[in-house]
Amino acid sequence: MTDTVVIGAGHNGLAAAFYLARAGRRPLVLERSPVVGGGAITSEIHPGFRCPRLSHEVLLDGRIARDMELNRQGVAFIGDEMRTYAPDGAGRGITLFEDVARSVESLRSVSSKDAEAYAAFRAAVDRIAGVIGSTFDAPPPDIDAPSASDLWNLLKTGRRFRSLDERDEFRLLRWVPMPVGDLLSEWFGNDALKAMLAGPGVSGTMLGPRSAGSALVLLLREASRLRAGGRSLRIRGGPGALTRGMAAAATAAGAEIRTGVRVERILLQASTVVGVVADGKEIPCSAVVAAVDPRTTLLSLIDPSELDPDFARQARNYRAAGTVAKVNMALSALPPFAGASDPSVLSGRIHIGPDLDYLERAFDHVKYGEMSSSPWLDITIPSIADTELAPREAHVASVYVHYAPFGLRGSEWRVAKDVLLDNTLRVLEAHAPGFRSMVVAAEAITPAELQTEYGLSGGHIFHGELALDQLFTMRPLLGHARYRGPARRLYLSGAGAHPGGFMTGTSGRLASRALLDDRRP
């Protein structure tokens, strides 16, 4: 009998398999795709052009990178000082660096008042995000019967909170439920600066900059960034090189990985896991770690008759409707974005969305099941720092298109796909004249394809909405936030478990720890 089956070889599944194998278990990882990586893969979109297929942001927890010794597995991290560049719609641009002091100097040409405020804002965000990030070290507490370790972990987080001064304590409590647009308007006056800072608080969510709780999403992302070393990680060869290195580390520790194998059912007896059915064959096992989204695990892989009716109703009400599409492009040259006289400023994120009203109007469409006619875009051109991804002087562009609803009203995505691509190119052309003529090849991946081709239920890149009622002790469901599913020996380890998305690997690490704790005499 197989000891443990891990469903999914994305970053969380690979992290879980590594820690289980390191503890002496022999996990078997089953991945439906022909390659490992899940959403973190690099693929060829045109001969000689390789691009991040889905996710272009990686915030792998530094602890996991060290434990897996990824440097020994051939993973090479690329240093880059750029954070974000945003054309302001008036022929100029705003540049932010990873170094706060350089960002302050850059912002002086925009607004001396905003420049000084930025340094104070970054310091406050880092302090508050550090407290939130401390909750990523352990499972959420058991609400009904907290254990001694639960109380100890809460005490440690409480001590982090008490280490803040009175003003930051008040800020944390006030910021968590705030709209990110309101938060930023209290600090800054420049519209383009507010929009570029708000973007990470709404990207991939059913939230606009004036939606309650969007400030918390920004803080969660910043907490993940701090734990990744204080910046987004750039990997030579793209995100696929990272997950290949993680797979190598898991295999070296004793895990077995099989690709091209689709798990069809989790088998239960007396509400206890006894095996899985994969490609029509039964594989007995003593435990299952599901590194796929909760709706897929609970509503597709488990027979509904095995679930308590009230629990099944809660699972069906778990919100996971995607709002973002992905466009990948091969380019013959570097696009001339307005105001970017130095091409190096384009090596970080590029934000297209000149003000908060623009972002909110884009969000208005998705609320009614429509794609945005003027989407706001989050772009990376990874070939600037990693020249191996494209031919000499050519480039690849990876674009998140906001907003694009999974449930498209009045049409189907197979019909509307070309409209999405045209809308994206029109916005790009307006901020980088001549962009359209540089496109050698392009592909659009819709929310519908995120579900059918990549197994993301509802096409949601975070395996479920990052909303106040679906986080911490309620992620994915109240009573099941400690990585244990509704059946014994079933563990949830994808982004639909605490702490959520952002490609950190934390859910996989903590789920493996829950399994090992349950096996400990």
Protein backbone atom coordinates (compact mmCIF):
# COMPACT_ATOMS: atom_id res chain seq x y z
CA MET A 1 0.00 0.00 0.00
CA THR A 2 1.18 3.52 -0.80
CA ASP A 3 1.76 5.56 2.33
CA THR A 4 0.42 8.93 1.11
CA VAL A 5 -0.90 10.14 -2.23
CA VAL A 6 -0.39 13.83 -3.00
CA ILE A 7 -2.82 15.07 -5.64
CA GLY A 8 -1.21 17.79 -7.75
CA ALA A 9 2.44 18.66 -8.41
CA GLY A 10 2.12 22.41 -8.09
CA HIS A 11 4.35 24.28 -5.66
CA ASN A 12 2.20 23.38 -2.63
CA GLY A 13 2.00 19.70 -3.56
CA LEU A 14 5.75 19.54 -4.12
CA ALA A 15 6.43 21.29 -0.80
CA ALA A 16 4.13 18.84 1.02
CA ALA A 17 5.78 15.85 -0.68
CA PHE A 18 9.25 17.10 0.24
CA TYR A 19 8.47 17.52 3.93
CA LEU A 20 6.69 14.16 4.11
CA ALA A 21 9.60 12.43 2.40
CA ARG A 22 12.12 14.17 4.62
CA ALA A 23 10.22 12.82 7.63
CA GLY A 24 10.59 9.25 6.37
CA ARG A 25 7.32 8.85 4.47
CA ARG A 26 7.24 7.76 0.84
CA PRO A 27 4.65 10.02 -0.79
CA LEU A 28 3.40 9.40 -4.31
CA VAL A 29 2.62 12.62 -6.22
CA LEU A 30 0.10 12.33 -9.04
CA GLU A 31 -0.12 15.20 -11.54
CA ARG A 32 -2.68 15.37 -14.36
CA SER A 33 -0.45 17.52 -16.61
CA PRO A 34 2.53 16.12 -18.50
CA VAL A 35 4.89 18.37 -16.49
CA VAL A 36 5.16 19.40 -12.85
CA GLY A 37 4.44 22.93 -11.71
CA GLY A 38 0.69 23.53 -11.74
CA GLY A 39 0.34 27.28 -12.23
CA ALA A 40 4.11 27.83 -12.02
CA ILE A 41 5.30 26.61 -15.42
CA THR A 42 7.28 28.09 -18.29
CA SER A 43 6.24 27.13 -21.81
CA GLU A 44 7.15 27.92 -25.41
CA ILE A 45 4.55 30.15 -27.04
CA HIS A 46 6.48 30.46 -30.32
CA PRO A 47 9.72 28.84 -31.50
CA GLY A 48 12.48 30.34 -29.36
CA PHE A 49 10.10 32.27 -27.06
CA ARG A 50 9.41 30.91 -23.56
CA CYS A 51 7.05 32.68 -21.17
CA PRO A 52 5.49 32.12 -17.73
CA ARG A 53 2.36 30.26 -18.79
CA LEU A 54 0.13 31.25 -15.88
CA SER A 55 1.68 32.88 -12.82
CA HIS A 56 4.49 35.40 -13.23
CA GLU A 57 4.70 36.31 -9.55
CA VAL A 58 6.53 33.96 -7.19
CA LEU A 59 6.76 34.61 -3.44
CA LEU A 60 8.11 31.25 -2.25
CA ASP A 61 8.68 31.30 1.50
CA GLY A 62 12.40 31.62 2.18
CA ARG A 63 12.24 28.86 4.79
CA ILE A 64 10.99 26.39 2.17
CA ALA A 65 13.66 27.46 -0.32
CA ARG A 66 16.34 26.88 2.31
CA ASP A 67 14.95 23.55 3.50
CA MET A 68 14.73 22.24 -0.08
CA GLU A 69 18.24 23.59 -0.86
CA LEU A 70 16.97 24.79 -4.21
CA ASN A 71 20.34 26.28 -5.10
CA ARG A 72 21.70 22.72 -5.17
CA GLN A 73 18.86 21.73 -7.52
CA GLY A 74 19.94 24.23 -10.17
CA VAL A 75 17.46 26.98 -9.27
CA ALA A 76 19.07 30.37 -9.97
CA PHE A 77 17.45 33.50 -8.57
CA ILE A 78 17.94 36.71 -10.54
CA GLY A 79 18.58 39.92 -8.66
CA ASP A 80 16.63 42.95 -9.87
CA GLU A 81 16.22 46.37 -8.28
CA MET A 82 12.98 47.27 -10.06
CA ARG A 83 9.59 46.98 -8.39
CA THR A 84 6.93 48.66 -10.57
CA TYR A 85 6.69 51.05 -13.49
CA ALA A 86 3.39 52.75 -14.32
CA PRO A 87 2.70 55.00 -17.32
CA ASP A 88 0.47 57.78 -16.03
CA GLY A 89 -1.51 58.26 -19.25
CA ALA A 90 0.05 61.67 -19.90
CA GLY A 91 3.30 60.58 -21.53
CA ARG A 92 5.19 60.22 -18.26
CA GLY A 93 5.68 57.38 -15.83
CA ILE A 94 6.18 56.55 -12.16
CA THR A 95 9.02 54.26 -11.14
CA LEU A 96 9.28 52.37 -7.85
CA PHE A 97 12.37 50.40 -6.81
CA GLU A 98 12.81 47.61 -4.29
CA ASP A 99 15.00 50.09 -2.39
CA VAL A 100 12.74 52.58 -0.61
CA ALA A 101 15.28 55.41 -0.69
CA ARG A 102 15.60 55.15 -4.49
CA SER A 103 11.80 55.15 -4.78
CA VAL A 104 11.59 58.30 -2.68
CA GLU A 105 14.09 60.05 -4.95
CA SER A 106 12.20 58.87 -8.03
CA LEU A 107 8.89 60.15 -6.65
CA ARG A 108 10.26 63.64 -5.99
CA SER A 109 9.74 64.48 -9.66
CA VAL A 110 6.09 63.47 -9.26
CA SER A 111 5.27 64.99 -5.87
CA SER A 112 7.62 65.92 -3.05
CA LYS A 113 4.80 65.39 -0.55
CA ASP A 114 4.04 61.90 -1.88
CA ALA A 115 7.76 61.08 -1.94
CA GLU A 116 8.09 61.74 1.80
CA ALA A 117 4.84 59.92 2.52
CA TYR A 118 6.02 56.85 0.60
CA ALA A 119 8.89 56.13 2.99
CA ALA A 120 6.56 56.30 6.00
CA PHE A 121 3.92 54.23 4.20
CA ARG A 122 6.36 51.44 3.30
CA ALA A 123 7.68 51.29 6.85
CA ALA A 124 4.17 51.09 8.32
CA VAL A 125 3.08 48.42 5.82
CA ASP A 126 6.15 46.30 6.56
CA ARG A 127 5.57 46.48 10.30
CA ILE A 128 1.89 45.56 10.02
CA ALA A 129 2.44 42.91 7.33
CA GLY A 130 5.07 41.36 9.61
CA VAL A 131 2.41 40.79 12.28
CA ILE A 132 0.02 39.28 9.73
CA GLY A 133 2.82 37.11 8.34
CA SER A 134 3.44 35.65 11.80
CA THR A 135 0.12 33.79 11.44
CA PHE A 136 1.66 31.87 8.50
CA ASP A 137 3.94 29.90 10.84
CA ALA A 138 1.22 27.58 12.17
CA PRO A 139 -2.30 26.36 11.39
CA PRO A 140 -5.20 28.56 12.46
CA PRO A 141 -6.33 27.69 16.00
CA ASP A 142 -9.01 25.14 16.77
CA ILE A 143 -11.94 27.38 17.69
CA ASP A 144 -13.87 24.77 19.70
CA ALA A 145 -10.97 23.26 21.65
CA PRO A 146 -7.70 25.16 21.20
CA SER A 147 -4.68 23.12 22.14
CA ALA A 148 -1.66 24.28 24.09
CA SER A 149 0.23 24.82 20.83
CA ASP A 150 -2.69 26.86 19.46
CA LEU A 151 -2.62 29.10 22.51
CA TRP A 152 1.16 29.41 22.29
CA ASN A 153 0.99 30.43 18.61
CA LEU A 154 -1.72 32.96 19.39
CA LEU A 155 0.43 34.30 22.20
CA LYS A 156 3.38 34.75 19.81
CA THR A 157 1.19 36.63 17.34
CA GLY A 158 -0.19 38.69 20.21
CA ARG A 159 3.33 39.58 21.27
CA ARG A 160 4.12 40.67 17.69
CA PHE A 161 1.01 42.85 17.78
CA ARG A 162 1.97 44.34 21.15
CA SER A 163 5.44 45.12 19.79
CA LEU A 164 3.79 47.70 17.52
CA ASP A 165 3.38 51.18 18.85
CA GLU A 166 -0.11 52.42 19.61
CA ARG A 167 -0.53 54.10 16.23
CA ASP A 168 0.36 50.91 14.29
CA GLU A 169 -1.91 48.80 16.49
CA PHE A 170 -4.76 51.11 15.58
CA ARG A 171 -3.73 51.03 11.93
CA LEU A 172 -3.76 47.24 11.76
CA LEU A 173 -7.24 46.96 13.26
CA ARG A 174 -8.54 49.73 11.01
CA TRP A 175 -6.80 48.76 7.77
CA VAL A 176 -7.88 45.11 7.63
CA PRO A 177 -11.52 45.78 6.61
CA MET A 178 -10.78 48.94 4.59
CA PRO A 179 -11.00 49.42 0.82
CA VAL A 180 -7.45 49.72 -0.46
CA GLY A 181 -8.36 52.82 -2.44
CA ASP A 182 -9.47 54.63 0.72
CA LEU A 183 -6.31 53.55 2.53
CA LEU A 184 -4.03 54.88 -0.19
CA SER A 185 -5.99 58.13 -0.55
CA GLU A 186 -5.16 58.87 3.08
CA TRP A 187 -1.44 58.71 2.25
CA PHE A 188 -1.03 60.01 -1.30
CA GLY A 189 -2.39 62.61 -3.67
CA ASN A 190 -1.12 61.45 -7.06
CA ASP A 191 -3.77 59.37 -8.84
CA ALA A 192 -1.34 57.18 -10.81
CA LEU A 193 0.67 56.35 -7.70
CA LYS A 194 -2.46 55.35 -5.79
CA ALA A 195 -3.61 53.10 -8.64
CA MET A 196 -0.27 51.31 -9.05
CA LEU A 197 -0.08 50.63 -5.29
CA ALA A 198 -3.71 49.47 -5.20
CA GLY A 199 -3.29 46.94 -8.00
CA PRO A 200 -1.78 44.13 -5.87
CA GLY A 201 -4.70 44.50 -3.44
CA VAL A 202 -7.30 43.54 -6.05
CA SER A 203 -5.41 41.41 -8.58
CA GLY A 204 -7.06 38.02 -9.06
CA THR A 205 -10.00 38.81 -6.77
CA MET A 206 -13.66 39.77 -7.00
CA LEU A 207 -12.71 43.11 -5.48
CA GLY A 208 -12.25 46.62 -6.75
CA PRO A 209 -10.17 49.34 -5.11
CA ARG A 210 -13.29 50.59 -3.29
CA SER A 211 -14.33 47.15 -2.05
CA ALA A 212 -14.16 46.45 1.69
CA GLY A 213 -11.36 44.04 2.58
CA SER A 214 -9.13 44.83 -0.39
CA ALA A 215 -6.59 46.46 1.95
CA LEU A 216 -6.25 43.09 3.71
CA VAL A 217 -5.40 41.40 0.39
CA LEU A 218 -2.64 43.97 -0.09
CA LEU A 219 -1.32 43.25 3.42
CA LEU A 220 -1.44 39.48 2.83
CA ARG A 221 0.57 39.91 -0.35
CA GLU A 222 3.07 42.15 1.44
CA ALA A 223 3.36 39.61 4.28
CA SER A 224 4.16 36.92 1.71
CA ARG A 225 6.68 39.23 0.06
CA LEU A 226 8.47 39.79 3.38
CA ARG A 227 8.72 36.03 3.96
CA ALA A 228 10.13 35.60 0.45
CA GLY A 229 12.98 37.94 1.30
CA GLY A 230 11.28 41.29 0.80
CA ARG A 231 10.70 41.11 -2.96
CA SER A 232 9.12 39.09 -5.73
CA LEU A 233 11.40 36.26 -6.80
CA ARG A 234 12.69 36.10 -10.35
CA ILE A 235 14.01 32.74 -11.49
CA ARG A 236 16.27 32.09 -14.44
CA GLY A 237 14.22 30.00 -16.83
CA GLY A 238 10.93 31.30 -15.40
CA PRO A 239 8.68 29.84 -12.71
CA GLY A 240 8.86 26.41 -14.34
CA ALA A 241 12.54 26.20 -13.43
CA LEU A 242 11.59 26.76 -9.78
CA THR A 243 9.01 23.97 -9.65
CA ARG A 244 11.33 21.61 -11.53
CA GLY A 245 13.89 22.28 -8.81
CA MET A 246 11.27 21.67 -6.12
CA ALA A 247 10.37 18.37 -7.80
CA ALA A 248 14.02 17.37 -7.85
CA ALA A 249 14.33 18.18 -4.13
CA ALA A 250 11.21 16.15 -3.29
CA THR A 251 12.44 13.21 -5.36
CA ALA A 252 15.87 13.33 -3.74
CA ALA A 253 14.18 13.23 -0.34
CA GLY A 254 12.30 10.07 -1.29
CA ALA A 255 9.07 11.13 -3.01
CA GLU A 256 7.83 9.57 -6.25
CA ILE A 257 6.26 11.84 -8.88
CA ARG A 258 4.12 10.62 -11.76
CA THR A 259 2.92 13.08 -14.39
CA GLY A 260 0.13 12.63 -16.91
CA VAL A 261 -1.99 10.80 -14.30
CA ARG A 262 -5.48 12.10 -13.52
CA VAL A 263 -6.98 11.34 -10.10
CA GLU A 264 -10.67 10.67 -10.59
CA ARG A 265 -11.87 9.77 -7.11
CA ILE A 266 -10.80 9.69 -3.48
CA LEU A 267 -12.00 6.43 -1.93
CA LEU A 268 -13.48 6.43 1.56
CA GLN A 269 -14.62 3.73 3.94
CA ALA A 270 -16.35 4.68 7.17
CA SER A 271 -15.38 8.32 6.50
CA THR A 272 -11.70 7.35 6.28
CA VAL A 273 -9.41 7.58 3.24
CA VAL A 274 -8.46 4.17 1.88
CA GLY A 275 -7.20 5.04 -1.60
CA VAL A 276 -7.68 6.90 -4.86
CA VAL A 277 -8.76 5.99 -8.36
CA ALA A 278 -6.37 7.36 -10.98
CA ASP A 279 -6.76 6.72 -14.72
CA GLY A 280 -9.23 3.97 -13.88
CA LYS A 281 -6.88 2.13 -11.52
CA GLU A 282 -7.30 1.90 -7.77
CA ILE A 283 -4.29 2.89 -5.66
CA PRO A 284 -4.67 1.97 -1.98
CA CYS A 285 -3.13 4.48 0.41
CA SER A 286 -3.30 5.44 4.06
CA ALA A 287 -3.67 9.22 3.50
CA VAL A 288 -4.35 11.78 0.78
CA VAL A 289 -2.95 15.30 0.58
CA ALA A 290 -5.04 17.26 -1.93
CA ALA A 291 -3.02 20.13 -3.39
CA VAL A 292 -5.89 21.10 -5.70
CA ASP A 293 -8.64 23.60 -4.98
CA PRO A 294 -11.24 22.81 -2.27
CA ARG A 295 -14.25 22.72 -4.60
CA THR A 296 -12.55 20.12 -6.79
CA THR A 297 -11.51 18.05 -3.77
CA LEU A 298 -14.78 18.20 -1.87
CA LEU A 299 -17.34 18.26 -4.66
CA SER A 300 -15.70 16.35 -7.52
CA LEU A 301 -13.18 13.88 -6.08
CA ILE A 302 -15.37 12.74 -3.19
CA ASP A 303 -18.72 11.03 -3.75
CA PRO A 304 -21.40 13.49 -2.53
CA SER A 305 -23.10 10.69 -0.61
CA GLU A 306 -20.00 10.51 1.61
CA LEU A 307 -20.47 14.09 2.84
CA ASP A 308 -22.73 15.44 5.55
CA PRO A 309 -25.49 17.41 3.74
CA ASP A 310 -24.77 20.61 5.72
CA PHE A 311 -21.07 20.35 4.95
CA ALA A 312 -21.78 19.75 1.25
CA ARG A 313 -23.95 22.89 1.22
CA GLN A 314 -21.14 24.92 2.77
CA ALA A 315 -18.68 23.58 0.21
CA ARG A 316 -20.99 24.51 -2.66
CA ASN A 317 -21.24 28.04 -1.24
CA TYR A 318 -17.47 28.48 -1.14
CA ARG A 319 -16.83 31.35 -3.54
CA ALA A 320 -14.31 30.63 -6.27
CA ALA A 321 -15.36 32.49 -9.42
CA GLY A 322 -12.29 33.69 -11.29
CA THR A 323 -11.91 37.28 -12.50
CA VAL A 324 -8.60 37.37 -14.38
CA ALA A 325 -7.39 36.12 -17.75
CA LYS A 326 -3.82 35.59 -18.90
CA VAL A 327 -2.26 36.80 -22.16
CA ASN A 328 1.22 35.70 -23.25
CA MET A 329 3.03 37.31 -26.15
CA ALA A 330 6.19 36.89 -28.17
CA LEU A 331 7.55 40.31 -29.22
CA SER A 332 10.07 41.26 -31.88
CA ALA A 333 11.44 44.13 -29.76
CA LEU A 334 11.08 45.84 -26.40
CA PRO A 335 7.87 47.90 -26.34
CA PRO A 336 8.35 51.69 -26.01
CA PHE A 337 6.21 52.37 -22.94
CA ALA A 338 5.53 56.07 -22.45
CA GLY A 339 8.02 57.79 -20.15
CA ALA A 340 10.35 54.77 -19.94
CA SER A 341 13.47 56.34 -21.43
CA ASP A 342 15.61 53.77 -19.57
CA PRO A 343 14.46 50.28 -20.63
CA SER A 344 15.70 48.77 -17.36
CA VAL A 345 12.72 50.29 -15.50
CA LEU A 346 10.52 47.77 -17.34
CA SER A 347 12.20 44.73 -15.75
CA GLY A 348 9.83 44.63 -12.76
CA ARG A 349 6.05 44.84 -12.88
CA ILE A 350 4.40 47.21 -15.36
CA HIS A 351 1.06 48.56 -14.19
CA ILE A 352 -1.43 49.89 -16.76
CA GLY A 353 -4.30 51.63 -15.01
CA PRO A 354 -3.86 55.38 -14.59
CA ASP A 355 -6.12 56.02 -11.60
CA LEU A 356 -8.44 54.41 -9.07
CA ASP A 357 -11.52 55.32 -11.11
CA TYR A 358 -10.10 53.40 -14.08
CA LEU A 359 -9.60 50.29 -11.92
CA GLU A 360 -13.07 50.64 -10.40
CA ARG A 361 -14.72 51.01 -13.80
CA ALA A 362 -12.95 47.86 -14.98
CA PHE A 363 -14.32 46.11 -11.88
CA ASP A 364 -17.85 47.39 -12.59
CA HIS A 365 -18.00 45.18 -15.67
CA VAL A 366 -17.16 41.93 -13.94
CA LYS A 367 -19.86 42.46 -11.32
CA TYR A 368 -22.40 42.00 -14.11
CA GLY A 369 -20.70 39.12 -15.88
CA GLU A 370 -18.97 41.25 -18.51
CA MET A 371 -15.32 41.44 -19.51
CA SER A 372 -13.79 44.88 -19.14
CA SER A 373 -13.69 46.78 -22.42
CA SER A 374 -10.73 48.80 -21.04
CA PRO A 375 -8.99 46.35 -18.69
CA TRP A 376 -6.26 47.26 -16.27
CA LEU A 377 -3.14 45.20 -16.86
CA ASP A 378 -0.35 43.78 -14.70
CA ILE A 379 2.59 42.98 -16.98
CA THR A 380 6.06 41.53 -16.72
CA ILE A 381 8.69 41.28 -19.46
CA PRO A 382 10.91 38.61 -17.88
CA SER A 383 13.21 38.41 -20.90
CA ILE A 384 14.80 41.76 -19.93
CA ALA A 385 16.54 40.15 -16.95
CA ASP A 386 16.59 36.60 -18.35
CA THR A 387 17.80 36.77 -21.93
CA GLU A 388 17.47 33.00 -22.36
CA LEU A 389 13.69 33.32 -22.67
CA ALA A 390 13.70 34.96 -26.12
CA PRO A 391 15.98 35.44 -29.15
CA ARG A 392 18.47 38.30 -29.16
CA GLU A 393 16.72 41.72 -28.95
CA ALA A 394 13.31 40.00 -28.86
CA HIS A 395 11.15 39.61 -25.75
CA VAL A 396 8.20 37.85 -24.13
CA ALA A 397 5.40 39.60 -22.22
CA SER A 398 3.26 38.03 -19.52
CA VAL A 399 0.00 39.91 -18.88
CA TYR A 400 -2.72 39.55 -16.24
CA VAL A 401 -5.92 41.02 -17.70
CA HIS A 402 -8.40 42.47 -15.19
CA TYR A 403 -11.28 41.88 -15.20
CA ALA A 404 -12.56 38.78 -16.96
CA PRO A 405 -15.40 36.87 -15.25
CA PHE A 406 -15.56 33.08 -15.23
CA GLY A 407 -19.31 33.25 -15.80
CA LEU A 408 -19.45 35.39 -18.94
CA ARG A 409 -22.99 36.68 -19.47
CA GLY A 410 -24.52 36.53 -22.94
CA SER A 411 -21.56 34.79 -24.57
CA GLU A 412 -19.02 32.00 -24.21
CA TRP A 413 -15.29 32.37 -23.72
CA ARG A 414 -14.45 30.36 -26.82
CA VAL A 415 -16.27 33.05 -28.80
CA ALA A 416 -15.16 36.06 -26.73
CA LYS A 417 -11.48 35.07 -26.54
CA ASP A 418 -10.47 37.17 -29.56
CA VAL A 419 -12.30 40.19 -28.13
CA LEU A 420 -10.33 39.83 -24.88
CA LEU A 421 -7.04 39.76 -26.80
CA ASP A 422 -8.05 42.75 -28.93
CA ASN A 423 -9.06 44.77 -25.85
CA THR A 424 -5.70 43.97 -24.26
CA LEU A 425 -3.71 45.00 -27.33
CA ARG A 426 -5.70 48.21 -27.67
CA VAL A 427 -4.84 49.24 -24.10
CA LEU A 428 -1.19 48.29 -24.63
CA GLU A 429 -1.03 50.26 -27.87
CA ALA A 430 -2.33 53.36 -26.11
CA HIS A 431 0.55 53.24 -23.60
CA ALA A 432 3.25 51.81 -25.88
CA PRO A 433 2.64 53.04 -29.45
CA GLY A 434 3.63 50.41 -31.99
CA PHE A 435 3.10 47.54 -29.57
CA ARG A 436 0.66 45.70 -31.84
CA SER A 437 3.16 45.64 -34.73
CA MET A 438 5.76 43.97 -32.49
CA VAL A 439 3.57 40.95 -31.68
CA VAL A 440 5.03 37.80 -33.25
CA ALA A 441 2.59 35.45 -31.51
CA ALA A 442 0.00 35.75 -28.77
CA GLU A 443 -2.19 33.46 -26.72
CA ALA A 444 -5.08 34.24 -24.38
CA ILE A 445 -5.99 31.91 -21.52
CA THR A 446 -9.50 32.57 -20.27
CA PRO A 447 -10.98 31.71 -16.84
CA ALA A 448 -12.92 28.90 -18.53
CA GLU A 449 -9.63 27.38 -19.74
CA LEU A 450 -8.10 27.81 -16.30
CA GLN A 451 -10.80 25.40 -15.14
CA THR A 452 -10.90 22.91 -18.00
CA GLU A 453 -7.17 22.76 -18.85
CA TYR A 454 -5.53 23.51 -15.51
CA GLY A 455 -8.05 22.18 -13.00
CA LEU A 456 -8.81 25.48 -11.23
CA SER A 457 -12.46 25.26 -10.23
CA GLY A 458 -14.22 28.44 -11.34
CA GLY A 459 -10.98 29.57 -12.98
CA HIS A 460 -9.89 31.17 -9.70
CA ILE A 461 -6.11 31.54 -9.50
CA PHE A 462 -6.16 31.61 -5.67
CA HIS A 463 -8.35 28.47 -5.34
CA GLY A 464 -11.06 30.66 -3.80
CA GLU A 465 -11.86 34.28 -3.07
CA LEU A 466 -9.56 36.12 -0.68
CA ALA A 467 -12.42 37.63 1.31
CA LEU A 468 -12.75 38.33 5.02
CA ASP A 469 -15.15 35.39 5.44
CA GLN A 470 -12.84 32.98 3.58
CA LEU A 471 -9.55 33.57 5.37
CA PHE A 472 -7.68 32.29 8.45
CA THR A 473 -10.04 30.14 10.59
CA MET A 474 -12.59 30.17 7.76
CA ARG A 475 -10.34 29.07 4.87
CA PRO A 476 -11.74 27.16 3.16
CA LEU A 477 -14.59 26.49 5.62
CA LEU A 478 -15.18 27.11 9.30
CA GLY A 479 -14.11 24.00 11.19
CA HIS A 480 -11.79 22.81 8.39
CA ALA A 481 -9.09 25.48 8.40
CA ARG A 482 -6.44 23.22 9.96
CA TYR A 483 -5.71 21.32 6.72
CA ARG A 484 -7.88 18.36 7.74
CA GLY A 485 -10.78 17.56 5.42
CA PRO A 486 -14.21 16.11 6.22
CA ALA A 487 -12.81 12.56 6.17
CA ARG A 488 -10.07 11.10 8.33
CA ARG A 489 -6.62 11.13 6.72
CA LEU A 490 -7.68 13.66 4.08
CA TYR A 491 -5.61 16.87 4.08
CA LEU A 492 -6.13 20.09 2.13
CA SER A 493 -2.91 21.79 1.04
CA GLY A 494 -3.63 24.04 -1.92
CA ALA A 495 -4.05 27.80 -2.04
CA GLY A 496 -7.61 27.26 -0.80
CA ALA A 497 -6.13 26.53 2.63
CA HIS A 498 -4.54 29.03 5.02
CA PRO A 499 -2.82 31.39 4.30
CA GLY A 500 -4.07 31.53 0.70
CA GLY A 501 -2.38 32.20 -2.62
CA PHE A 502 0.67 34.14 -3.86
CA MET A 503 2.84 31.09 -4.67
CA THR A 504 4.39 30.79 -1.20
CA GLY A 505 4.30 27.01 -0.65
CA THR A 506 3.21 27.59 2.97
CA SER A 507 -0.06 25.65 2.67
CA GLY A 508 1.82 22.58 1.49
CA ARG A 509 4.35 22.78 4.32
CA LEU A 510 1.71 23.20 7.03
CA ALA A 511 -0.56 20.48 5.62
CA SER A 512 2.32 18.00 5.69
CA ARG A 513 2.97 18.96 9.29
CA ALA A 514 -0.67 18.31 10.18
CA LEU A 515 -0.41 14.83 8.67
CA LEU A 516 2.83 14.08 10.48
CA ASP A 517 1.36 15.33 13.77
CA ASP A 518 -1.60 12.97 13.35
CA ARG A 519 0.75 10.04 12.73
CA ARG A 520 2.92 10.83 15.74
CA PRO A 521 2.32 8.35 18.61
